[in-house]
Amino acid sequence: MKGAIPESGPPSPRTQSLFVLVADRNAHFRETIRRVLAGIDRCVVSAEAATIDEVVSRVTNSRVDLLLLDVDLVTSDRLTGLKRLAESLPELKVAVLLSDDTPEYRAAVLRHGGHFSVAKDSLEEQIPPVLRVLMTPEDARPSGAR
């Protein structure tokens, strides 16, 4: 059963669900992400947000393991805003949704918080590897993976 937790004892990292907050201004795009995530075992969309204020509220009031964040939501100075978000919520894992997917932009996202990057036009290919890393216990992750 998707997201099942064993009845005895605490869930292990390998059987535990991953709760995702989807943040994008476009409701249609949030639904597209929801459909992609629905096909991934143990992945649960716990909340959605259309503004950065909603993101902060959902992160502080809901269970969120991963924030899928449209970089355009952060601020007009997108990367500085992303860095401030990372500093204020250091345990939160973030995958930045990029419409401008270039190596330079991906490097900048890493420099401003060490986040994952996912191209909006390649969701189905790029989200599963991010989720696999996050579902792997930290001590078993490749070096450099948060």
N, C-alpha and C. Protein backbone atom coordinates (compact mmCIF):
# COMPACT_ATOMS: atom_id res chain seq x y z
N MET A 1 0.83 -1.18 0.00
CA MET A 1 0.00 0.00 0.00
C MET A 1 0.88 1.24 0.00
N LYS A 2 0.57 2.25 -0.85
CA LYS A 2 1.36 3.46 -0.96
C LYS A 2 1.42 4.20 0.37
N GLY A 3 2.65 4.51 0.83
CA GLY A 3 2.82 5.26 2.05
C GLY A 3 2.53 4.48 3.32
N ALA A 4 2.47 3.15 3.23
CA ALA A 4 2.14 2.34 4.41
C ALA A 4 3.25 2.42 5.45
N ILE A 5 2.86 2.47 6.70
CA ILE A 5 3.81 2.47 7.82
C ILE A 5 3.59 1.18 8.59
N PRO A 6 4.67 0.45 8.88
CA PRO A 6 4.51 -0.81 9.62
C PRO A 6 3.79 -0.58 10.95
N GLU A 7 3.01 -1.58 11.38
CA GLU A 7 2.24 -1.43 12.61
C GLU A 7 3.10 -1.49 13.86
N SER A 8 4.20 -2.20 13.85
CA SER A 8 5.01 -2.30 15.06
C SER A 8 6.29 -1.49 14.90
N GLY A 9 6.57 -0.66 15.88
CA GLY A 9 7.80 0.11 15.90
C GLY A 9 7.72 1.33 14.99
N PRO A 10 8.72 2.21 15.10
CA PRO A 10 8.73 3.41 14.27
C PRO A 10 9.04 3.05 12.82
N PRO A 11 8.57 3.86 11.89
CA PRO A 11 8.86 3.58 10.49
C PRO A 11 10.34 3.77 10.20
N SER A 12 10.87 2.94 9.35
CA SER A 12 12.27 3.11 8.94
C SER A 12 12.29 4.12 7.82
N PRO A 13 13.46 4.77 7.57
CA PRO A 13 13.53 5.75 6.50
C PRO A 13 13.14 5.16 5.15
N ARG A 14 13.33 3.88 4.95
CA ARG A 14 13.02 3.27 3.66
C ARG A 14 11.53 3.02 3.46
N THR A 15 10.71 3.00 4.55
CA THR A 15 9.28 2.76 4.40
C THR A 15 8.45 4.00 4.70
N GLN A 16 9.08 5.06 5.14
CA GLN A 16 8.38 6.26 5.54
C GLN A 16 8.00 7.10 4.31
N SER A 17 6.85 7.74 4.38
CA SER A 17 6.42 8.62 3.30
C SER A 17 7.23 9.91 3.31
N LEU A 18 7.34 10.51 2.14
CA LEU A 18 8.00 11.80 1.99
C LEU A 18 6.91 12.83 1.69
N PHE A 19 6.76 13.82 2.57
CA PHE A 19 5.71 14.82 2.44
C PHE A 19 6.24 16.04 1.69
N VAL A 20 5.53 16.41 0.62
CA VAL A 20 5.99 17.43 -0.30
C VAL A 20 5.03 18.62 -0.32
N LEU A 21 5.60 19.81 -0.26
CA LEU A 21 4.85 21.05 -0.46
C LEU A 21 5.17 21.54 -1.86
N VAL A 22 4.14 21.74 -2.68
CA VAL A 22 4.29 22.20 -4.05
C VAL A 22 3.97 23.69 -4.09
N ALA A 23 4.95 24.52 -4.48
CA ALA A 23 4.78 25.97 -4.48
C ALA A 23 5.04 26.55 -5.86
N ASP A 24 3.96 27.03 -6.47
CA ASP A 24 4.05 27.66 -7.79
C ASP A 24 2.80 28.54 -7.94
N ARG A 25 2.96 29.69 -8.58
CA ARG A 25 1.81 30.59 -8.77
C ARG A 25 0.72 29.97 -9.64
N ASN A 26 1.12 29.13 -10.56
CA ASN A 26 0.21 28.58 -11.56
C ASN A 26 -0.48 27.31 -11.05
N ALA A 27 -1.78 27.39 -10.84
CA ALA A 27 -2.54 26.24 -10.31
C ALA A 27 -2.46 25.05 -11.26
N HIS A 28 -2.48 25.29 -12.56
CA HIS A 28 -2.38 24.20 -13.54
C HIS A 28 -1.03 23.48 -13.40
N PHE A 29 0.04 24.25 -13.23
CA PHE A 29 1.35 23.63 -13.07
C PHE A 29 1.44 22.85 -11.75
N ARG A 30 0.84 23.39 -10.67
CA ARG A 30 0.82 22.65 -9.40
C ARG A 30 0.10 21.32 -9.59
N GLU A 31 -0.96 21.29 -10.37
CA GLU A 31 -1.68 20.05 -10.64
C GLU A 31 -0.81 19.09 -11.46
N THR A 32 -0.05 19.61 -12.40
CA THR A 32 0.87 18.77 -13.18
C THR A 32 1.89 18.11 -12.25
N ILE A 33 2.45 18.88 -11.34
CA ILE A 33 3.42 18.32 -10.38
C ILE A 33 2.73 17.26 -9.52
N ARG A 34 1.53 17.55 -9.07
CA ARG A 34 0.77 16.60 -8.24
C ARG A 34 0.60 15.27 -8.99
N ARG A 35 0.27 15.33 -10.28
CA ARG A 35 0.11 14.09 -11.08
C ARG A 35 1.43 13.32 -11.18
N VAL A 36 2.53 14.03 -11.39
CA VAL A 36 3.84 13.37 -11.46
C VAL A 36 4.15 12.69 -10.13
N LEU A 37 3.93 13.39 -9.03
CA LEU A 37 4.23 12.84 -7.70
C LEU A 37 3.31 11.68 -7.33
N ALA A 38 2.07 11.69 -7.83
CA ALA A 38 1.12 10.61 -7.51
C ALA A 38 1.61 9.26 -8.01
N GLY A 39 2.43 9.26 -9.03
CA GLY A 39 2.96 8.01 -9.57
C GLY A 39 4.20 7.51 -8.86
N ILE A 40 4.64 8.21 -7.83
CA ILE A 40 5.86 7.84 -7.12
C ILE A 40 5.50 7.29 -5.74
N ASP A 41 5.86 6.05 -5.49
CA ASP A 41 5.54 5.39 -4.23
C ASP A 41 6.12 6.16 -3.04
N ARG A 42 5.36 6.25 -1.98
CA ARG A 42 5.72 6.87 -0.71
C ARG A 42 5.87 8.38 -0.79
N CYS A 43 5.37 8.99 -1.86
CA CYS A 43 5.43 10.44 -2.00
C CYS A 43 4.03 11.00 -1.81
N VAL A 44 3.88 11.94 -0.88
CA VAL A 44 2.57 12.49 -0.54
C VAL A 44 2.64 14.01 -0.66
N VAL A 45 1.75 14.60 -1.44
CA VAL A 45 1.65 16.06 -1.49
C VAL A 45 0.88 16.48 -0.25
N SER A 46 1.57 17.12 0.68
CA SER A 46 0.93 17.50 1.95
C SER A 46 0.30 18.88 1.89
N ALA A 47 0.75 19.71 0.95
CA ALA A 47 0.19 21.05 0.84
C ALA A 47 0.61 21.67 -0.48
N GLU A 48 -0.08 22.77 -0.84
CA GLU A 48 0.26 23.56 -2.01
C GLU A 48 0.30 25.02 -1.59
N ALA A 49 1.05 25.83 -2.34
CA ALA A 49 1.13 27.26 -2.07
C ALA A 49 1.28 28.01 -3.39
N ALA A 50 0.69 29.21 -3.42
CA ALA A 50 0.78 30.05 -4.61
C ALA A 50 1.60 31.31 -4.37
N THR A 51 1.97 31.56 -3.10
CA THR A 51 2.77 32.74 -2.75
C THR A 51 3.83 32.32 -1.73
N ILE A 52 4.84 33.18 -1.57
CA ILE A 52 5.88 32.87 -0.60
C ILE A 52 5.33 32.93 0.82
N ASP A 53 4.36 33.80 1.08
CA ASP A 53 3.73 33.85 2.40
C ASP A 53 3.02 32.53 2.71
N GLU A 54 2.34 31.97 1.71
CA GLU A 54 1.70 30.67 1.90
C GLU A 54 2.74 29.58 2.14
N VAL A 55 3.89 29.66 1.46
CA VAL A 55 4.96 28.69 1.68
C VAL A 55 5.39 28.71 3.14
N VAL A 56 5.69 29.89 3.65
CA VAL A 56 6.15 30.01 5.04
C VAL A 56 5.09 29.47 5.99
N SER A 57 3.83 29.80 5.77
CA SER A 57 2.75 29.31 6.62
C SER A 57 2.64 27.79 6.56
N ARG A 58 2.66 27.22 5.37
CA ARG A 58 2.53 25.76 5.22
C ARG A 58 3.72 25.02 5.84
N VAL A 59 4.91 25.57 5.64
CA VAL A 59 6.11 24.91 6.18
C VAL A 59 6.09 24.90 7.70
N THR A 60 5.57 25.97 8.29
CA THR A 60 5.56 26.04 9.75
C THR A 60 4.36 25.34 10.37
N ASN A 61 3.30 25.08 9.58
CA ASN A 61 2.09 24.48 10.13
C ASN A 61 1.75 23.09 9.59
N SER A 62 2.55 22.56 8.71
CA SER A 62 2.29 21.24 8.12
C SER A 62 3.57 20.42 8.15
N ARG A 63 3.41 19.14 7.95
CA ARG A 63 4.60 18.31 7.81
C ARG A 63 5.10 18.44 6.38
N VAL A 64 6.33 18.91 6.24
CA VAL A 64 6.94 19.08 4.93
C VAL A 64 8.37 18.56 4.99
N ASP A 65 8.67 17.55 4.16
CA ASP A 65 10.04 17.04 4.05
C ASP A 65 10.77 17.66 2.87
N LEU A 66 10.00 18.02 1.84
CA LEU A 66 10.58 18.60 0.63
C LEU A 66 9.68 19.72 0.13
N LEU A 67 10.28 20.84 -0.18
CA LEU A 67 9.60 21.97 -0.79
C LEU A 67 9.99 22.01 -2.25
N LEU A 68 9.02 21.83 -3.15
CA LEU A 68 9.23 22.05 -4.58
C LEU A 68 8.84 23.50 -4.84
N LEU A 69 9.82 24.35 -5.06
CA LEU A 69 9.62 25.80 -5.06
C LEU A 69 9.96 26.42 -6.40
N ASP A 70 8.95 27.06 -7.00
CA ASP A 70 9.19 27.85 -8.21
C ASP A 70 10.08 29.02 -7.81
N VAL A 71 11.24 29.13 -8.43
CA VAL A 71 12.20 30.17 -8.05
C VAL A 71 11.60 31.56 -8.20
N ASP A 72 10.63 31.73 -9.07
CA ASP A 72 10.00 33.04 -9.26
C ASP A 72 9.14 33.47 -8.07
N LEU A 73 8.81 32.54 -7.18
CA LEU A 73 8.02 32.88 -5.99
C LEU A 73 8.84 33.58 -4.91
N VAL A 74 10.13 33.37 -4.91
CA VAL A 74 10.94 33.82 -3.78
C VAL A 74 10.91 35.34 -3.67
N THR A 75 11.42 36.06 -4.65
CA THR A 75 11.36 37.53 -4.72
C THR A 75 11.83 37.92 -6.11
N SER A 76 11.87 39.21 -6.35
CA SER A 76 12.42 39.65 -7.63
C SER A 76 13.93 39.36 -7.66
N ASP A 77 14.57 39.42 -6.52
CA ASP A 77 15.98 39.02 -6.41
C ASP A 77 15.98 37.57 -5.94
N ARG A 78 15.64 36.68 -6.85
CA ARG A 78 15.26 35.31 -6.54
C ARG A 78 16.30 34.55 -5.72
N LEU A 79 17.54 34.61 -6.08
CA LEU A 79 18.52 33.78 -5.39
C LEU A 79 18.83 34.29 -3.99
N THR A 80 18.82 35.59 -3.78
CA THR A 80 19.03 36.12 -2.43
C THR A 80 17.87 35.70 -1.53
N GLY A 81 16.64 35.77 -2.04
CA GLY A 81 15.48 35.33 -1.27
C GLY A 81 15.54 33.85 -0.96
N LEU A 82 16.03 33.06 -1.90
CA LEU A 82 16.18 31.62 -1.68
C LEU A 82 17.19 31.36 -0.57
N LYS A 83 18.28 32.11 -0.57
CA LYS A 83 19.30 31.94 0.48
C LYS A 83 18.72 32.29 1.85
N ARG A 84 17.92 33.36 1.93
CA ARG A 84 17.29 33.74 3.21
C ARG A 84 16.35 32.64 3.69
N LEU A 85 15.58 32.05 2.77
CA LEU A 85 14.68 30.95 3.14
C LEU A 85 15.48 29.78 3.70
N ALA A 86 16.59 29.43 3.04
CA ALA A 86 17.43 28.32 3.50
C ALA A 86 18.03 28.61 4.88
N GLU A 87 18.42 29.84 5.12
CA GLU A 87 19.00 30.20 6.41
C GLU A 87 17.96 30.15 7.52
N SER A 88 16.72 30.52 7.21
CA SER A 88 15.69 30.52 8.25
C SER A 88 15.11 29.13 8.51
N LEU A 89 15.21 28.23 7.55
CA LEU A 89 14.68 26.86 7.69
C LEU A 89 15.76 25.87 7.24
N PRO A 90 16.85 25.74 7.99
CA PRO A 90 17.99 24.92 7.51
C PRO A 90 17.69 23.43 7.34
N GLU A 91 16.71 22.88 8.05
CA GLU A 91 16.41 21.45 7.93
C GLU A 91 15.56 21.13 6.71
N LEU A 92 14.92 22.15 6.15
CA LEU A 92 14.02 21.95 5.02
C LEU A 92 14.81 21.64 3.76
N LYS A 93 14.43 20.58 3.07
CA LYS A 93 15.02 20.24 1.79
C LYS A 93 14.22 20.95 0.71
N VAL A 94 14.93 21.54 -0.24
CA VAL A 94 14.28 22.33 -1.28
C VAL A 94 14.75 21.87 -2.64
N ALA A 95 13.81 21.72 -3.56
CA ALA A 95 14.12 21.52 -4.97
C ALA A 95 13.54 22.72 -5.69
N VAL A 96 14.41 23.49 -6.32
CA VAL A 96 14.00 24.71 -7.00
C VAL A 96 13.55 24.35 -8.41
N LEU A 97 12.35 24.80 -8.75
CA LEU A 97 11.77 24.56 -10.08
C LEU A 97 12.23 25.68 -11.01
N LEU A 98 12.98 25.30 -12.04
CA LEU A 98 13.58 26.28 -12.94
C LEU A 98 12.90 26.29 -14.30
N SER A 99 12.51 27.47 -14.76
CA SER A 99 12.04 27.58 -16.14
C SER A 99 13.22 27.93 -17.02
N ASP A 100 14.26 28.53 -16.45
CA ASP A 100 15.50 28.86 -17.16
C ASP A 100 16.56 27.88 -16.66
N ASP A 101 16.61 26.69 -17.26
CA ASP A 101 17.48 25.62 -16.79
C ASP A 101 18.82 25.66 -17.53
N THR A 102 19.77 26.37 -16.92
CA THR A 102 21.11 26.44 -17.48
C THR A 102 22.10 25.97 -16.42
N PRO A 103 23.28 25.51 -16.84
CA PRO A 103 24.29 25.11 -15.85
C PRO A 103 24.65 26.25 -14.89
N GLU A 104 24.66 27.48 -15.40
CA GLU A 104 24.99 28.62 -14.56
C GLU A 104 23.91 28.84 -13.50
N TYR A 105 22.67 28.70 -13.88
CA TYR A 105 21.58 28.90 -12.92
C TYR A 105 21.59 27.78 -11.87
N ARG A 106 21.84 26.54 -12.29
CA ARG A 106 21.92 25.43 -11.34
C ARG A 106 23.05 25.66 -10.33
N ALA A 107 24.20 26.13 -10.82
CA ALA A 107 25.33 26.41 -9.93
C ALA A 107 24.97 27.51 -8.94
N ALA A 108 24.26 28.53 -9.41
CA ALA A 108 23.85 29.63 -8.53
C ALA A 108 22.89 29.13 -7.45
N VAL A 109 21.96 28.25 -7.81
CA VAL A 109 21.02 27.68 -6.83
C VAL A 109 21.81 26.92 -5.77
N LEU A 110 22.80 26.15 -6.17
CA LEU A 110 23.63 25.42 -5.20
C LEU A 110 24.36 26.39 -4.27
N ARG A 111 24.93 27.45 -4.83
CA ARG A 111 25.65 28.43 -4.02
C ARG A 111 24.75 29.15 -3.02
N HIS A 112 23.48 29.28 -3.32
CA HIS A 112 22.55 30.02 -2.47
C HIS A 112 21.72 29.10 -1.58
N GLY A 113 22.27 28.00 -1.15
CA GLY A 113 21.56 27.15 -0.20
C GLY A 113 21.78 25.66 -0.40
N GLY A 114 22.51 25.26 -1.41
CA GLY A 114 22.79 23.85 -1.62
C GLY A 114 21.57 23.04 -2.01
N HIS A 115 20.63 23.68 -2.71
CA HIS A 115 19.38 23.03 -3.06
C HIS A 115 19.49 22.19 -4.33
N PHE A 116 18.52 21.32 -4.49
CA PHE A 116 18.36 20.58 -5.74
C PHE A 116 17.76 21.53 -6.78
N SER A 117 17.97 21.24 -8.05
CA SER A 117 17.34 21.98 -9.14
C SER A 117 16.57 21.00 -10.01
N VAL A 118 15.37 21.43 -10.44
CA VAL A 118 14.53 20.60 -11.31
C VAL A 118 14.00 21.50 -12.42
N ALA A 119 14.24 21.11 -13.67
CA ALA A 119 13.73 21.87 -14.80
C ALA A 119 12.23 21.63 -14.93
N LYS A 120 11.48 22.72 -15.08
CA LYS A 120 10.03 22.59 -15.19
C LYS A 120 9.62 21.75 -16.39
N ASP A 121 10.40 21.80 -17.46
CA ASP A 121 10.03 21.05 -18.65
C ASP A 121 10.53 19.61 -18.64
N SER A 122 11.14 19.18 -17.52
CA SER A 122 11.64 17.81 -17.40
C SER A 122 11.27 17.18 -16.06
N LEU A 123 10.10 17.54 -15.53
CA LEU A 123 9.68 17.06 -14.20
C LEU A 123 9.74 15.55 -14.07
N GLU A 124 9.17 14.84 -15.03
CA GLU A 124 9.06 13.38 -14.91
C GLU A 124 10.42 12.70 -14.86
N GLU A 125 11.43 13.30 -15.49
CA GLU A 125 12.78 12.71 -15.45
C GLU A 125 13.59 13.18 -14.25
N GLN A 126 13.38 14.42 -13.80
CA GLN A 126 14.27 15.00 -12.79
C GLN A 126 13.77 14.91 -11.36
N ILE A 127 12.47 14.79 -11.13
CA ILE A 127 11.98 14.68 -9.75
C ILE A 127 12.32 13.33 -9.12
N PRO A 128 12.14 12.19 -9.80
CA PRO A 128 12.43 10.90 -9.14
C PRO A 128 13.84 10.77 -8.57
N PRO A 129 14.91 11.21 -9.26
CA PRO A 129 16.24 11.11 -8.63
C PRO A 129 16.37 11.94 -7.35
N VAL A 130 15.73 13.12 -7.32
CA VAL A 130 15.77 13.94 -6.10
C VAL A 130 15.08 13.20 -4.96
N LEU A 131 13.92 12.62 -5.25
CA LEU A 131 13.18 11.89 -4.22
C LEU A 131 13.95 10.67 -3.74
N ARG A 132 14.63 9.98 -4.65
CA ARG A 132 15.44 8.81 -4.25
C ARG A 132 16.53 9.22 -3.27
N VAL A 133 17.19 10.35 -3.54
CA VAL A 133 18.23 10.83 -2.63
C VAL A 133 17.62 11.12 -1.26
N LEU A 134 16.48 11.80 -1.24
CA LEU A 134 15.86 12.17 0.04
C LEU A 134 15.31 10.98 0.80
N MET A 135 14.96 9.91 0.11
CA MET A 135 14.43 8.71 0.77
C MET A 135 15.54 7.78 1.23
N THR A 136 16.77 8.10 0.88
CA THR A 136 17.92 7.31 1.31
C THR A 136 18.43 7.88 2.63
N PRO A 137 18.70 7.03 3.62
CA PRO A 137 19.23 7.54 4.89
C PRO A 137 20.47 8.40 4.64
N GLU A 138 20.60 9.50 5.40
CA GLU A 138 21.70 10.45 5.18
C GLU A 138 23.07 9.80 5.20
N ASP A 139 23.28 8.83 6.08
CA ASP A 139 24.59 8.21 6.15
C ASP A 139 24.90 7.31 4.96
N ALA A 140 23.90 7.01 4.13
CA ALA A 140 24.11 6.17 2.94
C ALA A 140 24.07 6.99 1.65
N ARG A 141 23.90 8.30 1.75
CA ARG A 141 23.84 9.16 0.56
C ARG A 141 25.24 9.40 0.01
N PRO A 142 25.32 9.63 -1.31
CA PRO A 142 26.61 9.99 -1.90
C PRO A 142 27.10 11.30 -1.30
N SER A 143 28.40 11.50 -1.28
CA SER A 143 28.94 12.73 -0.72
C SER A 143 28.40 13.92 -1.51
N GLY A 144 28.09 14.98 -0.81
CA GLY A 144 27.54 16.19 -1.43
C GLY A 144 26.03 16.23 -1.45
N ALA A 145 25.34 15.11 -1.21
CA ALA A 145 23.87 15.10 -1.20
C ALA A 145 23.40 15.45 0.20
N ARG A 146 22.56 16.48 0.30
CA ARG A 146 22.04 16.91 1.60
C ARG A 146 20.94 15.99 2.06
